[in-house]
Amino acid sequence: MTKASRTPRPKLGFHTDQAARIRAAYLGTRAVLPPSTFSEFLEAAVLETIERLEAEHNNGHSWDAPAAGEVKSTAQTGVGRWNRT
């Protein structure tokens, strides 16, 4: 597949204090687990959690995809773990 023929995919990013641990887990398992790239490793880990959350909180169904700009930070919405009492 050439670069020009690839379907563009949305990019996600996050900040973490666990970067070294995440990279170490990837390096420690990439020879024996299916994800061949670091991006595939991260995607698989996130999707594993999402599937668990869907099973626990949405009867095993995917949630509807949010519209562009719908995902807001806790500072913007006042809702989330940092605002729990």
N, C-alpha and C. Protein backbone atom coordinates (compact mmCIF):
# COMPACT_ATOMS: atom_id res chain seq x y z
N MET A 1 0.85 -1.18 0.00
CA MET A 1 0.00 0.00 0.00
C MET A 1 0.90 1.24 0.00
N THR A 2 0.61 2.15 -0.87
CA THR A 2 1.40 3.37 -0.93
C THR A 2 0.85 4.40 0.04
N LYS A 3 1.69 5.33 0.39
CA LYS A 3 1.26 6.37 1.32
C LYS A 3 0.05 7.13 0.79
N ALA A 4 0.02 7.39 -0.51
CA ALA A 4 -1.08 8.14 -1.12
C ALA A 4 -2.41 7.38 -1.05
N SER A 5 -2.37 6.04 -1.00
CA SER A 5 -3.61 5.27 -1.02
C SER A 5 -4.15 4.97 0.39
N ARG A 6 -3.45 5.33 1.40
CA ARG A 6 -3.91 5.07 2.77
C ARG A 6 -5.08 5.97 3.12
N THR A 7 -6.04 5.40 3.83
CA THR A 7 -7.18 6.18 4.30
C THR A 7 -6.74 6.97 5.53
N PRO A 8 -6.96 8.28 5.53
CA PRO A 8 -6.56 9.07 6.69
C PRO A 8 -7.34 8.62 7.93
N ARG A 9 -6.64 8.55 9.04
CA ARG A 9 -7.29 8.16 10.29
C ARG A 9 -7.11 9.30 11.28
N PRO A 10 -8.11 9.52 12.14
CA PRO A 10 -7.97 10.57 13.16
C PRO A 10 -6.83 10.24 14.11
N LYS A 11 -6.19 11.26 14.60
CA LYS A 11 -5.09 11.09 15.55
C LYS A 11 -5.58 11.45 16.94
N LEU A 12 -5.21 10.64 17.91
CA LEU A 12 -5.50 10.90 19.31
C LEU A 12 -4.19 11.05 20.06
N GLY A 13 -4.19 11.80 21.14
CA GLY A 13 -2.98 11.95 21.94
C GLY A 13 -3.34 12.21 23.39
N PHE A 14 -2.39 11.98 24.26
CA PHE A 14 -2.62 12.23 25.68
C PHE A 14 -1.29 12.45 26.38
N HIS A 15 -1.37 13.06 27.54
CA HIS A 15 -0.20 13.27 28.39
C HIS A 15 -0.27 12.25 29.52
N THR A 16 0.88 11.73 29.92
CA THR A 16 0.90 10.74 31.00
C THR A 16 2.23 10.76 31.73
N ASP A 17 2.15 10.43 33.01
CA ASP A 17 3.36 10.24 33.81
C ASP A 17 3.86 8.80 33.70
N GLN A 18 3.13 7.98 32.94
CA GLN A 18 3.45 6.55 32.80
C GLN A 18 4.08 6.20 31.47
N ALA A 19 4.63 7.20 30.76
CA ALA A 19 5.18 6.97 29.42
C ALA A 19 6.26 5.89 29.41
N ALA A 20 7.17 5.94 30.35
CA ALA A 20 8.26 4.95 30.38
C ALA A 20 7.70 3.54 30.60
N ARG A 21 6.71 3.42 31.47
CA ARG A 21 6.10 2.11 31.73
C ARG A 21 5.38 1.59 30.49
N ILE A 22 4.67 2.47 29.79
CA ILE A 22 3.95 2.08 28.58
C ILE A 22 4.93 1.62 27.50
N ARG A 23 5.98 2.40 27.29
CA ARG A 23 6.98 2.02 26.28
C ARG A 23 7.67 0.71 26.66
N ALA A 24 7.95 0.52 27.93
CA ALA A 24 8.61 -0.71 28.39
C ALA A 24 7.71 -1.93 28.15
N ALA A 25 6.41 -1.79 28.39
CA ALA A 25 5.49 -2.90 28.15
C ALA A 25 5.44 -3.25 26.66
N TYR A 26 5.44 -2.23 25.82
CA TYR A 26 5.46 -2.48 24.37
C TYR A 26 6.75 -3.20 23.97
N LEU A 27 7.89 -2.67 24.41
CA LEU A 27 9.17 -3.28 24.04
C LEU A 27 9.31 -4.69 24.60
N GLY A 28 8.75 -4.91 25.78
CA GLY A 28 8.85 -6.22 26.41
C GLY A 28 7.95 -7.28 25.81
N THR A 29 6.94 -6.86 25.03
CA THR A 29 5.99 -7.84 24.49
C THR A 29 5.86 -7.83 22.97
N ARG A 30 6.49 -6.90 22.28
CA ARG A 30 6.26 -6.79 20.84
C ARG A 30 6.74 -8.01 20.06
N ALA A 31 7.67 -8.77 20.60
CA ALA A 31 8.14 -9.96 19.89
C ALA A 31 7.16 -11.13 20.03
N VAL A 32 6.27 -11.07 21.02
CA VAL A 32 5.38 -12.21 21.27
C VAL A 32 3.90 -11.89 21.14
N LEU A 33 3.53 -10.62 21.01
CA LEU A 33 2.13 -10.24 20.89
C LEU A 33 1.86 -9.65 19.50
N PRO A 34 0.60 -9.73 19.04
CA PRO A 34 0.27 -9.29 17.69
C PRO A 34 0.58 -7.83 17.33
N PRO A 35 0.31 -6.84 18.17
CA PRO A 35 0.56 -5.48 17.68
C PRO A 35 2.01 -5.30 17.26
N SER A 36 2.23 -4.90 16.01
CA SER A 36 3.60 -4.77 15.54
C SER A 36 4.15 -3.36 15.67
N THR A 37 3.28 -2.38 15.78
CA THR A 37 3.75 -1.01 15.95
C THR A 37 3.30 -0.49 17.30
N PHE A 38 3.95 0.56 17.75
CA PHE A 38 3.58 1.16 19.02
C PHE A 38 2.15 1.69 18.96
N SER A 39 1.76 2.28 17.84
CA SER A 39 0.38 2.78 17.69
C SER A 39 -0.63 1.64 17.79
N GLU A 40 -0.33 0.51 17.16
CA GLU A 40 -1.23 -0.65 17.25
C GLU A 40 -1.32 -1.17 18.69
N PHE A 41 -0.20 -1.15 19.39
CA PHE A 41 -0.16 -1.57 20.79
C PHE A 41 -1.07 -0.67 21.64
N LEU A 42 -0.95 0.65 21.46
CA LEU A 42 -1.77 1.59 22.23
C LEU A 42 -3.25 1.42 21.89
N GLU A 43 -3.54 1.29 20.60
CA GLU A 43 -4.94 1.13 20.18
C GLU A 43 -5.54 -0.14 20.79
N ALA A 44 -4.81 -1.24 20.76
CA ALA A 44 -5.31 -2.50 21.33
C ALA A 44 -5.57 -2.36 22.82
N ALA A 45 -4.69 -1.68 23.53
CA ALA A 45 -4.86 -1.50 24.97
C ALA A 45 -6.09 -0.64 25.28
N VAL A 46 -6.27 0.42 24.52
CA VAL A 46 -7.42 1.30 24.73
C VAL A 46 -8.71 0.56 24.38
N LEU A 47 -8.73 -0.15 23.26
CA LEU A 47 -9.94 -0.86 22.86
C LEU A 47 -10.32 -1.95 23.85
N GLU A 48 -9.34 -2.58 24.47
CA GLU A 48 -9.63 -3.59 25.49
C GLU A 48 -10.40 -2.95 26.65
N THR A 49 -9.99 -1.77 27.07
CA THR A 49 -10.69 -1.06 28.14
C THR A 49 -12.06 -0.60 27.68
N ILE A 50 -12.16 -0.11 26.46
CA ILE A 50 -13.45 0.35 25.94
C ILE A 50 -14.45 -0.80 25.89
N GLU A 51 -14.02 -1.97 25.44
CA GLU A 51 -14.92 -3.12 25.40
C GLU A 51 -15.41 -3.50 26.79
N ARG A 52 -14.53 -3.41 27.79
CA ARG A 52 -14.93 -3.69 29.17
C ARG A 52 -15.96 -2.66 29.64
N LEU A 53 -15.71 -1.37 29.35
CA LEU A 53 -16.64 -0.31 29.77
C LEU A 53 -17.99 -0.45 29.07
N GLU A 54 -17.98 -0.80 27.79
CA GLU A 54 -19.24 -1.01 27.08
C GLU A 54 -20.03 -2.14 27.72
N ALA A 55 -19.34 -3.21 28.09
CA ALA A 55 -20.01 -4.35 28.72
C ALA A 55 -20.58 -3.96 30.09
N GLU A 56 -19.83 -3.19 30.85
CA GLU A 56 -20.24 -2.82 32.21
C GLU A 56 -21.28 -1.71 32.25
N HIS A 57 -21.22 -0.78 31.30
CA HIS A 57 -22.03 0.44 31.42
C HIS A 57 -22.97 0.72 30.24
N ASN A 58 -22.94 -0.10 29.19
CA ASN A 58 -23.77 0.17 28.02
C ASN A 58 -24.31 -1.11 27.38
N ASN A 59 -24.58 -2.11 28.23
CA ASN A 59 -25.15 -3.39 27.78
C ASN A 59 -24.36 -4.02 26.64
N GLY A 60 -23.05 -3.81 26.63
CA GLY A 60 -22.19 -4.42 25.63
C GLY A 60 -22.22 -3.75 24.26
N HIS A 61 -22.91 -2.62 24.17
CA HIS A 61 -23.03 -1.91 22.90
C HIS A 61 -22.04 -0.74 22.84
N SER A 62 -21.64 -0.40 21.62
CA SER A 62 -20.81 0.80 21.44
C SER A 62 -21.66 2.03 21.68
N TRP A 63 -21.05 3.07 22.22
CA TRP A 63 -21.74 4.35 22.33
C TRP A 63 -21.73 5.02 20.96
N ASP A 64 -22.67 5.94 20.76
CA ASP A 64 -22.67 6.72 19.53
C ASP A 64 -21.42 7.59 19.48
N ALA A 65 -20.87 7.74 18.30
CA ALA A 65 -19.67 8.57 18.14
C ALA A 65 -20.02 10.04 18.42
N PRO A 66 -19.18 10.73 19.18
CA PRO A 66 -19.46 12.14 19.46
C PRO A 66 -19.23 13.00 18.22
N ALA A 67 -19.95 14.09 18.15
CA ALA A 67 -19.75 15.05 17.07
C ALA A 67 -18.43 15.79 17.29
N ALA A 68 -17.90 16.37 16.23
CA ALA A 68 -16.67 17.15 16.33
C ALA A 68 -16.85 18.24 17.38
N GLY A 69 -15.89 18.34 18.29
CA GLY A 69 -15.93 19.36 19.33
C GLY A 69 -16.76 18.99 20.54
N GLU A 70 -17.40 17.82 20.53
CA GLU A 70 -18.27 17.41 21.64
C GLU A 70 -17.49 16.97 22.87
N VAL A 71 -16.30 16.41 22.68
CA VAL A 71 -15.50 15.97 23.81
C VAL A 71 -14.82 17.20 24.41
N LYS A 72 -15.16 17.48 25.66
CA LYS A 72 -14.63 18.65 26.35
C LYS A 72 -13.86 18.19 27.59
N SER A 73 -12.98 19.02 28.06
CA SER A 73 -12.22 18.71 29.27
C SER A 73 -13.09 18.94 30.51
N THR A 74 -12.64 18.40 31.64
CA THR A 74 -13.37 18.62 32.88
C THR A 74 -13.39 20.11 33.24
N ALA A 75 -12.37 20.84 32.87
CA ALA A 75 -12.35 22.27 33.14
C ALA A 75 -13.44 23.00 32.34
N GLN A 76 -13.74 22.50 31.14
CA GLN A 76 -14.76 23.13 30.30
C GLN A 76 -16.18 22.76 30.72
N THR A 77 -16.35 21.57 31.28
CA THR A 77 -17.70 21.09 31.59
C THR A 77 -18.04 21.11 33.07
N GLY A 78 -17.03 21.08 33.92
CA GLY A 78 -17.28 20.99 35.36
C GLY A 78 -17.73 19.59 35.78
N VAL A 79 -17.59 18.62 34.89
CA VAL A 79 -17.99 17.24 35.15
C VAL A 79 -16.78 16.35 35.00
N GLY A 80 -16.64 15.39 35.88
CA GLY A 80 -15.54 14.45 35.76
C GLY A 80 -14.92 14.12 37.10
N ARG A 81 -13.91 13.30 37.05
CA ARG A 81 -13.33 12.79 38.30
C ARG A 81 -12.72 13.87 39.17
N TRP A 82 -12.26 14.96 38.58
CA TRP A 82 -11.63 16.01 39.39
C TRP A 82 -12.66 16.85 40.12
N ASN A 83 -13.93 16.72 39.75
CA ASN A 83 -14.98 17.54 40.36
C ASN A 83 -15.91 16.73 41.27
N ARG A 84 -15.56 15.50 41.52
CA ARG A 84 -16.38 14.68 42.41
C ARG A 84 -16.15 15.07 43.86
N THR A 85 -17.21 15.03 44.63
CA THR A 85 -17.06 15.35 46.06
C THR A 85 -17.27 14.14 46.91
